[in-house]
């Protein structure tokens, strides 16, 4: 019975954001089930909280952010008309970060098989995304399935407009402009998902030394390139190059695989524009840095976000933030700035948690780096490289840890799990030596 429950939990974690439109009240059905399972294992959580220093401190950091946000929201509700319901919604979101993290920690600590199962589901999601590409003979059928996941949204909703744009690309076979998004509405959401599943596949390769994970990693890289998300592809390229330089336990054959992957990745970035222009004058978004309005306007979006936090350091409402952006739009003659957020996850910490949030996130980062240093050389290098890649990706998008990115929580939980595994291996070695 326990294994069945753990499989259900693994499926819920693996399909985060896939069934987000299926709701009971304000909670998505998957988040509601996660809370129910968290309650089921509450005693285990309490034991782990007091027994595991990493998980205890991690939980306290989340609680600290939740308290700061609660106080900030309470002040905004009292003096600036913020809806009181938002206080409750944000509090539940903070609790969901803890529940989501613990459930992953719980099942993978029980058996690595559950991580492999999550990766299997992730690969199916990647396959779903690939089959939705306009060059796929099943693209229309796959997109119809995707539409069923969002059948309840209003036709005027921004998400509905994105789905219609995707459908137009598929119907007219516009493949060079099509950005993979999988079962998610947004390509950005898919890119965050790919970032973490890329780490999972690399982690399993180093943990198990099974060649299958070389090929699954390559498959994830292919999907990443087809998202045409520049920050994601650059992040993955840097991670791969770093692995080749810092991790030395490959055989020569595997070195060639890594080198080939890096060369292909860099080649795709450098020459994709030339290949596309051979068939069409329009280039892909991946190589054309000026095509997207947010590309040239991002520095101003960052400045607007920082200015908003500076003007309202104890918290800011949407109305106040919009006023700052509109002022920036008039000042710099960029009308679109008034309708866009900062496009920088780090800046958005201040928007969501007030200026105090920056201090907590800084201390949290030091805490994560401290525990990562306890790992063996290869895994320490792997996680350091992942953190660098993750920062590159979030620096150009709105999501960030403790804002709306749940997948990164699973990646962080791998740190204490890997440390526990290494300590068990070390103790086993010492025992064998004594015998």
Protein backbone atom coordinates (compact mmCIF):
# COMPACT_ATOMS: atom_id res chain seq x y z
CA UNK A 1 0.00 0.00 0.00
CA UNK A 2 2.82 2.40 0.89
CA UNK A 3 4.49 1.91 -2.50
CA UNK A 4 1.22 2.69 -4.30
CA UNK A 5 0.86 5.93 -2.31
CA UNK A 6 4.45 6.86 -3.12
CA UNK A 7 3.87 6.22 -6.83
CA UNK A 8 0.85 8.54 -6.76
CA UNK A 9 2.94 11.18 -4.97
CA UNK A 10 5.72 10.81 -7.54
CA UNK A 11 3.19 11.23 -10.36
CA UNK A 12 1.78 14.39 -8.75
CA UNK A 13 5.24 15.88 -8.36
CA UNK A 14 6.29 14.92 -11.89
CA UNK A 15 3.17 16.45 -13.47
CA UNK A 16 3.34 19.75 -11.58
CA UNK A 17 1.51 22.49 -13.55
CA UNK A 18 0.09 19.96 -16.05
CA UNK A 19 -3.36 19.73 -14.42
CA UNK A 20 -3.33 23.24 -13.03
CA UNK A 21 -6.72 24.11 -14.56
CA UNK A 22 -8.52 21.31 -12.69
CA UNK A 23 -9.47 23.01 -9.42
CA UNK A 24 -11.38 22.59 -6.20
CA UNK A 25 -12.09 26.16 -5.15
CA UNK A 26 -8.88 28.16 -5.50
CA UNK A 27 -6.59 25.10 -5.22
CA UNK A 28 -5.60 22.96 -8.20
CA UNK A 29 -6.45 19.30 -7.72
CA UNK A 30 -2.79 18.23 -7.69
CA UNK A 31 -1.90 20.78 -5.01
CA UNK A 32 -4.90 19.71 -2.93
CA UNK A 33 -3.82 16.06 -3.12
CA UNK A 34 -0.28 17.04 -2.14
CA UNK A 35 -1.64 18.74 0.98
CA UNK A 36 -3.64 15.61 1.79
CA UNK A 37 -0.57 13.39 1.46
CA UNK A 38 1.45 15.88 3.48
CA UNK A 39 -1.13 15.58 6.24
CA UNK A 40 -0.96 11.79 5.99
CA UNK A 41 2.78 11.87 6.62
CA UNK A 42 2.76 14.79 9.05
CA UNK A 43 4.32 12.71 11.84
CA UNK A 44 7.15 11.72 9.50
CA UNK A 45 7.62 15.38 8.60
CA UNK A 46 7.90 16.37 12.27
CA UNK A 47 10.46 13.63 12.91
CA UNK A 48 12.46 14.65 9.86
CA UNK A 49 12.28 18.30 10.86
CA UNK A 50 14.03 17.60 14.16
CA UNK A 51 16.37 14.88 12.87
CA UNK A 52 17.63 16.45 9.63
CA UNK A 53 19.50 19.76 9.97
CA UNK A 54 19.19 20.59 6.27
CA UNK A 55 15.44 20.06 6.11
CA UNK A 56 14.89 21.92 9.38
CA UNK A 57 16.77 25.00 8.20
CA UNK A 58 15.16 24.81 4.75
CA UNK A 59 11.71 24.79 6.37
CA UNK A 60 12.61 27.70 8.66
CA UNK A 61 13.73 29.77 5.67
CA UNK A 62 10.37 29.16 3.97
CA UNK A 63 8.55 30.06 7.18
CA UNK A 64 10.64 33.25 7.48
CA UNK A 65 9.66 34.31 3.96
CA UNK A 66 6.03 33.47 4.70
CA UNK A 67 6.04 35.62 7.86
CA UNK A 68 7.67 38.56 6.06
CA UNK A 69 5.15 38.27 3.23
CA UNK A 70 2.24 37.99 5.67
CA UNK A 71 3.29 41.15 7.53
CA UNK A 72 3.89 43.00 4.25
CA UNK A 73 0.50 41.94 2.87
CA UNK A 74 -1.22 42.87 6.13
CA UNK A 75 0.24 46.40 5.92
CA UNK A 76 -0.82 46.69 2.28
CA UNK A 77 -4.32 45.45 3.12
CA UNK A 78 -4.61 47.95 5.98
CA UNK A 79 -3.29 51.04 4.20
CA UNK A 80 -3.36 50.43 0.44
CA UNK A 81 -6.47 48.37 -0.25
CA UNK A 82 -4.89 44.98 -0.91
CA UNK A 83 -7.57 42.26 -0.88
CA UNK A 84 -7.41 40.33 2.39
CA UNK A 85 -7.93 37.04 0.51
CA UNK A 86 -4.43 37.42 -0.93
CA UNK A 87 -2.99 37.03 2.58
CA UNK A 88 -4.54 33.58 2.85
CA UNK A 89 -3.59 32.58 -0.71
CA UNK A 90 0.06 33.53 -0.23
CA UNK A 91 0.16 31.70 3.11
CA UNK A 92 -1.16 28.54 1.48
CA UNK A 93 1.41 28.90 -1.29
CA UNK A 94 4.21 29.07 1.28
CA UNK A 95 2.88 25.93 2.97
CA UNK A 96 2.70 24.23 -0.42
CA UNK A 97 6.44 24.88 -0.93
CA UNK A 98 7.14 22.95 2.27
CA UNK A 99 4.70 20.15 1.41
CA UNK A 100 6.00 19.76 -2.13
CA UNK A 101 9.64 19.65 -0.98
CA UNK A 102 8.95 17.19 1.81
CA UNK A 103 6.98 14.78 -0.38
CA UNK A 104 9.85 14.59 -2.86
CA UNK A 105 12.36 14.12 -0.05
CA UNK A 106 10.15 11.45 1.53
CA UNK A 107 9.76 9.21 -1.51
CA UNK A 108 13.29 9.51 -2.94
CA UNK A 109 14.79 8.86 0.49
CA UNK A 110 12.74 5.67 0.54
CA UNK A 111 14.06 4.51 -2.83
CA UNK A 112 15.87 6.10 -5.80
CA UNK A 113 13.39 4.26 -8.01
CA UNK A 114 10.85 7.03 -7.38
CA UNK A 115 13.21 9.62 -8.86
CA UNK A 116 13.62 7.34 -11.88
CA UNK A 117 9.83 7.16 -12.14
CA UNK A 118 9.59 10.97 -12.03
CA UNK A 119 12.19 11.17 -14.80
CA UNK A 120 10.20 8.64 -16.83
CA UNK A 121 7.08 10.82 -16.55
CA UNK A 122 9.19 13.86 -17.44
CA UNK A 123 10.44 12.13 -20.58
CA UNK A 124 6.85 11.35 -21.58
CA UNK A 125 6.05 15.04 -21.15
CA UNK A 126 9.04 15.87 -23.37
CA UNK A 127 7.79 13.38 -25.96
CA UNK A 128 4.34 14.99 -25.79
CA UNK A 129 6.00 18.36 -26.45
CA UNK A 130 8.02 17.03 -29.37
CA UNK A 131 4.98 15.41 -30.99
CA UNK A 132 3.18 18.76 -30.79
CA UNK A 133 5.78 20.40 -33.03
CA UNK A 134 4.39 21.41 -36.46
CA UNK A 135 6.81 19.01 -38.18
CA UNK A 136 5.23 16.09 -36.31
CA UNK A 137 2.49 14.18 -38.16
CA UNK A 138 0.57 14.01 -34.87
CA UNK A 139 0.86 17.70 -33.98
CA UNK A 140 -2.87 18.49 -34.41
CA UNK A 141 -3.98 15.46 -32.39
CA UNK A 142 -1.52 16.21 -29.59
CA UNK A 143 -2.61 19.84 -29.49
CA UNK A 144 -6.25 18.73 -29.23
CA UNK A 145 -5.31 16.70 -26.15
CA UNK A 146 -3.56 19.74 -24.73
CA UNK A 147 -6.67 21.87 -25.28
CA UNK A 148 -8.63 19.46 -23.09
CA UNK A 149 -6.31 20.34 -20.19
CA UNK A 150 -7.43 23.98 -20.50
CA UNK A 151 -11.01 23.56 -21.62
CA UNK A 152 -12.34 25.60 -18.68
CA UNK A 153 -10.43 28.82 -19.29
CA UNK A 154 -12.16 31.92 -20.63
CA UNK A 155 -11.68 32.62 -24.33
CA UNK A 156 -10.44 36.11 -23.52
CA UNK A 157 -7.88 34.79 -21.06
CA UNK A 158 -4.23 35.41 -22.01
CA UNK A 159 -3.63 31.66 -21.80
CA UNK A 160 -6.37 31.01 -24.35
CA UNK A 161 -4.71 33.48 -26.73
CA UNK A 162 -1.39 31.62 -26.37
CA UNK A 163 -3.10 28.30 -27.13
CA UNK A 164 -4.72 29.78 -30.23
CA UNK A 165 -1.36 31.11 -31.42
CA UNK A 166 0.13 27.64 -30.99
CA UNK A 167 -2.76 26.15 -32.92
CA UNK A 168 -2.20 28.65 -35.75
CA UNK A 169 1.48 27.68 -35.98
CA UNK A 170 0.52 24.01 -36.15
CA UNK A 171 -2.27 24.47 -38.71
CA UNK A 172 -0.02 26.46 -41.06
CA UNK A 173 3.11 24.42 -40.39
CA UNK A 174 5.13 27.41 -39.12
CA UNK A 175 7.88 25.34 -37.55
CA UNK A 176 10.72 27.89 -37.40
CA UNK A 177 8.69 30.15 -35.09
CA UNK A 178 7.10 27.41 -33.03
CA UNK A 179 8.35 27.16 -29.45
CA UNK A 180 7.81 23.88 -27.63
CA UNK A 181 5.70 24.22 -24.50
CA UNK A 182 4.56 20.66 -23.91
CA UNK A 183 1.35 20.30 -21.87
CA UNK A 184 1.97 23.75 -20.35
CA UNK A 185 0.48 26.95 -21.74
CA UNK A 186 3.76 28.83 -21.49
CA UNK A 187 7.11 27.96 -23.03
CA UNK A 188 8.66 29.63 -19.98
CA UNK A 189 7.01 27.08 -17.67
CA UNK A 190 8.32 24.30 -19.91
CA UNK A 191 11.83 25.78 -19.81
CA UNK A 192 11.85 25.70 -16.00
CA UNK A 193 10.66 22.12 -16.14
CA UNK A 194 13.41 21.22 -18.64
CA UNK A 195 16.08 22.85 -16.49
CA UNK A 196 15.27 20.56 -13.57
CA UNK A 197 14.73 17.37 -15.56
CA UNK A 198 18.08 18.07 -17.26
CA UNK A 199 19.66 17.98 -13.79
CA UNK A 200 17.74 14.81 -12.86
CA UNK A 201 19.02 12.94 -15.90
CA UNK A 202 22.61 14.07 -15.33
CA UNK A 203 22.32 13.20 -11.65
CA UNK A 204 21.06 9.70 -12.40
CA UNK A 205 23.88 9.19 -14.88
CA UNK A 206 26.53 10.06 -12.29
CA UNK A 207 24.70 8.11 -9.58
CA UNK A 208 24.03 4.93 -11.57
CA UNK A 209 26.62 5.16 -14.42
CA UNK A 210 23.97 3.81 -16.81
CA UNK A 211 24.41 4.85 -20.43
CA UNK A 212 20.66 5.27 -20.93
CA UNK A 213 20.84 8.59 -19.11
CA UNK A 214 23.30 9.94 -21.67
CA UNK A 215 20.61 9.48 -24.32
CA UNK A 216 17.78 10.80 -22.15
CA UNK A 217 19.88 13.87 -21.36
CA UNK A 218 20.44 14.40 -25.10
CA UNK A 219 16.67 14.14 -25.62
CA UNK A 220 16.06 16.82 -22.99
CA UNK A 221 18.68 19.02 -24.70
CA UNK A 222 16.87 18.62 -28.04
CA UNK A 223 13.59 19.73 -26.47
CA UNK A 224 15.40 22.65 -24.82
CA UNK A 225 16.75 23.85 -28.16
CA UNK A 226 13.27 23.60 -29.71
CA UNK A 227 11.81 25.85 -27.02
CA UNK A 228 13.94 28.59 -28.63
CA UNK A 229 14.52 29.95 -25.12
CA UNK A 230 17.92 31.60 -25.28
CA UNK A 231 18.58 31.70 -21.53
CA UNK A 232 17.78 27.99 -21.16
CA UNK A 233 20.01 26.88 -24.03
CA UNK A 234 22.91 29.05 -22.86
CA UNK A 235 22.49 27.72 -19.31
CA UNK A 236 22.58 24.11 -20.49
CA UNK A 237 25.61 24.79 -22.70
CA UNK A 238 27.51 26.29 -19.75
CA UNK A 239 26.58 23.33 -17.53
CA UNK A 240 27.79 20.83 -20.13
CA UNK A 241 31.06 22.67 -20.68
CA UNK A 242 31.55 22.89 -16.92
CA UNK A 243 30.94 19.16 -16.55
CA UNK A 244 33.59 18.43 -19.16
CA UNK A 245 36.10 20.68 -17.37
CA UNK A 246 35.36 19.89 -13.72
CA UNK A 247 34.23 16.27 -13.66
CA UNK A 248 37.03 13.97 -14.66
CA UNK A 249 35.82 10.44 -14.06
CA UNK A 250 34.61 9.81 -17.60
CA UNK A 251 36.11 7.22 -19.84
CA UNK A 252 37.54 8.56 -23.10
CA UNK A 253 34.46 7.29 -24.92
CA UNK A 254 32.13 9.26 -22.67
CA UNK A 255 34.34 12.32 -23.00
CA UNK A 256 33.77 12.18 -26.72
CA UNK A 257 30.03 12.09 -26.09
CA UNK A 258 30.18 15.21 -23.93
CA UNK A 259 32.43 17.05 -26.40
CA UNK A 260 30.13 16.10 -29.29
CA UNK A 261 27.08 17.30 -27.36
CA UNK A 262 28.71 20.65 -26.57
CA UNK A 263 29.85 21.13 -30.17
CA UNK A 264 26.36 20.35 -31.49
CA UNK A 265 24.78 22.69 -28.95
CA UNK A 266 27.11 25.58 -29.76
CA UNK A 267 26.73 24.91 -33.48
CA UNK A 268 22.95 25.06 -33.18
CA UNK A 269 23.21 28.46 -31.49
CA UNK A 270 25.72 29.95 -33.92
CA UNK A 271 24.44 28.61 -37.23
CA UNK A 272 20.69 28.22 -36.70
CA UNK A 273 20.14 31.69 -38.09
CA UNK A 274 22.07 30.83 -41.27
CA UNK A 275 20.21 27.53 -41.77
CA UNK A 276 16.84 29.23 -41.34
CA UNK A 277 17.68 32.12 -43.61
CA UNK A 278 18.56 29.64 -46.34
CA UNK A 279 14.86 28.73 -46.50
CA UNK A 280 13.28 31.87 -45.15
CA UNK A 281 14.26 35.48 -44.58
CA UNK A 282 12.89 35.31 -41.04
CA UNK A 283 15.18 33.89 -38.41
CA UNK A 284 14.29 31.97 -35.29
CA UNK A 285 13.74 33.69 -32.01
CA UNK A 286 16.67 31.78 -30.58
CA UNK A 287 19.25 33.68 -32.60
CA UNK A 288 17.49 36.96 -33.27
CA UNK A 289 18.06 39.05 -30.16
CA UNK A 290 16.06 42.05 -31.30
CA UNK A 291 12.91 40.38 -32.61
CA UNK A 292 11.13 40.11 -29.25
CA UNK A 293 10.17 43.47 -27.70
CA UNK A 294 11.19 42.27 -24.23
CA UNK A 295 14.70 41.58 -25.51
CA UNK A 296 15.54 45.24 -26.04
CA UNK A 297 13.31 46.41 -23.18
CA UNK A 298 14.48 44.01 -20.48
CA UNK A 299 17.03 46.37 -18.88
CA UNK A 300 14.23 48.91 -18.47
CA UNK A 301 11.94 46.22 -17.06
CA UNK A 302 14.66 45.33 -14.54
CA UNK A 303 15.11 48.99 -13.67
CA UNK A 304 11.34 49.42 -13.23
CA UNK A 305 11.25 46.43 -10.88
CA UNK A 306 14.16 47.69 -8.79
CA UNK A 307 12.67 51.20 -8.71
CA UNK A 308 9.35 49.76 -7.53
CA UNK A 309 11.03 47.91 -4.65
CA UNK A 310 13.08 51.01 -3.76
CA UNK A 311 9.96 53.20 -3.65
CA UNK A 312 7.95 50.62 -1.71
CA UNK A 313 10.48 48.59 0.32
CA UNK A 314 7.90 47.19 2.75
CA UNK A 315 5.62 45.82 0.04
CA UNK A 316 3.92 46.87 -3.14
CA UNK A 317 0.46 46.39 -4.62
CA UNK A 318 -0.22 45.70 -8.29
CA UNK A 319 -1.61 49.22 -8.66
CA UNK A 320 1.54 50.78 -7.21
CA UNK A 321 3.76 48.61 -9.39
CA UNK A 322 1.75 49.54 -12.49
CA UNK A 323 2.16 53.23 -11.64
CA UNK A 324 5.94 52.83 -11.47
CA UNK A 325 5.99 50.98 -14.80
CA UNK A 326 3.78 53.57 -16.48
CA UNK A 327 6.05 56.36 -15.25
CA UNK A 328 9.04 54.47 -16.67
CA UNK A 329 7.19 53.97 -19.96
CA UNK A 330 6.60 57.71 -20.31
CA UNK A 331 10.14 58.57 -19.25
CA UNK A 332 11.80 56.26 -21.80
CA UNK A 333 9.13 56.20 -24.51
CA UNK A 334 8.50 52.44 -24.22
CA UNK A 335 4.74 52.01 -24.06
CA UNK A 336 4.92 48.23 -23.65
CA UNK A 337 6.71 48.47 -20.30
CA UNK A 338 3.48 49.29 -18.54
CA UNK A 339 2.07 45.85 -19.34
CA UNK A 340 5.11 43.69 -18.50
CA UNK A 341 6.69 42.53 -15.24
CA UNK A 342 10.41 42.71 -14.51
CA UNK A 343 11.31 39.53 -16.43
CA UNK A 344 13.88 38.85 -13.71
CA UNK A 345 13.10 36.28 -11.03
CA UNK A 346 15.62 37.72 -8.60
CA UNK A 347 14.12 41.21 -8.79
CA UNK A 348 10.68 39.70 -8.28
CA UNK A 349 11.71 38.49 -4.83
CA UNK A 350 11.48 42.12 -3.70
CA UNK A 351 8.10 42.49 -5.40
CA UNK A 352 6.73 39.40 -3.63
CA UNK A 353 8.50 39.53 -0.27
CA UNK A 354 9.48 43.21 0.14
CA UNK A 355 13.11 44.35 0.32
CA UNK A 356 13.64 42.12 3.37
CA UNK A 357 13.16 39.14 1.05
CA UNK A 358 16.50 39.89 -0.63
CA UNK A 359 18.32 39.43 2.67
CA UNK A 360 16.54 36.13 3.38
CA UNK A 361 17.24 34.80 -0.12
CA UNK A 362 20.90 35.81 0.21
CA UNK A 363 21.18 33.89 3.50
CA UNK A 364 19.28 30.98 1.96
CA UNK A 365 21.75 30.88 -0.93
CA UNK A 366 24.67 30.74 1.50
CA UNK A 367 22.91 27.92 3.34
CA UNK A 368 22.47 25.91 0.10
CA UNK A 369 26.09 26.47 -0.95
CA UNK A 370 27.32 25.43 2.48
CA UNK A 371 25.53 22.08 2.31
CA UNK A 372 26.50 21.52 -1.31
CA UNK A 373 30.15 21.77 -0.25
CA UNK A 374 29.65 18.66 1.87
CA UNK A 375 29.10 16.49 -1.20
CA UNK A 376 31.77 14.52 -3.04
CA UNK A 377 33.67 16.37 -5.76
CA UNK A 378 31.63 15.27 -8.79
CA UNK A 379 28.22 15.94 -7.26
CA UNK A 380 29.40 19.18 -5.70
CA UNK A 381 30.52 20.34 -9.15
CA UNK A 382 27.26 19.17 -10.72
CA UNK A 383 25.09 21.14 -8.31
CA UNK A 384 27.29 24.25 -8.48
CA UNK A 385 27.01 24.20 -12.27
CA UNK A 386 23.26 23.70 -12.04
CA UNK A 387 22.91 26.71 -9.73
CA UNK A 388 24.85 28.85 -12.22
CA UNK A 389 22.66 27.63 -15.07
CA UNK A 390 19.49 28.16 -13.08
CA UNK A 391 20.47 31.76 -12.27
CA UNK A 392 21.15 32.42 -15.94
CA UNK A 393 17.69 31.15 -16.84
CA UNK A 394 15.75 32.98 -14.12
CA UNK A 395 17.55 36.23 -14.83
CA UNK A 396 15.39 36.67 -17.94
CA UNK A 397 12.05 35.32 -16.67
CA UNK A 398 9.60 36.14 -13.90
CA UNK A 399 9.57 32.83 -12.06
CA UNK A 400 11.98 32.04 -9.24
CA UNK A 401 12.18 29.81 -6.20
CA UNK A 402 9.47 30.61 -3.62
CA UNK A 403 7.53 32.59 -6.21
CA UNK A 404 6.00 30.03 -8.57
CA UNK A 405 8.78 27.57 -9.45
CA UNK A 406 8.08 24.29 -7.65
CA UNK A 407 10.35 22.05 -9.73
CA UNK A 408 13.49 23.69 -8.35
CA UNK A 409 12.44 22.52 -4.88
CA UNK A 410 12.95 18.91 -5.98
CA UNK A 411 16.42 19.76 -7.24
CA UNK A 412 17.35 21.28 -3.88
CA UNK A 413 16.10 18.24 -1.99
CA UNK A 414 18.59 16.11 -3.93
CA UNK A 415 21.40 17.76 -1.93
CA UNK A 416 20.55 16.23 1.48
CA UNK A 417 19.51 12.98 -0.20
CA UNK A 418 22.87 12.69 -1.95
CA UNK A 419 24.68 13.53 1.28
CA UNK A 420 22.78 10.80 3.16
CA UNK A 421 23.64 8.31 0.41
CA UNK A 422 27.34 9.24 0.50
CA UNK A 423 27.46 8.90 4.28
CA UNK A 424 25.83 5.48 4.08
CA UNK A 425 28.38 4.40 1.47
CA UNK A 426 31.22 5.71 3.62
CA UNK A 427 29.95 3.88 6.71
CA UNK A 428 29.51 0.69 4.70
CA UNK A 429 33.09 0.96 3.44
CA UNK A 430 34.42 1.47 6.97
CA UNK A 431 32.41 -1.53 8.21
CA UNK A 432 33.79 -3.73 5.45
CA UNK A 433 37.32 -2.62 6.27
CA UNK A 434 36.83 -3.57 9.91
CA UNK A 435 35.54 -6.98 8.92
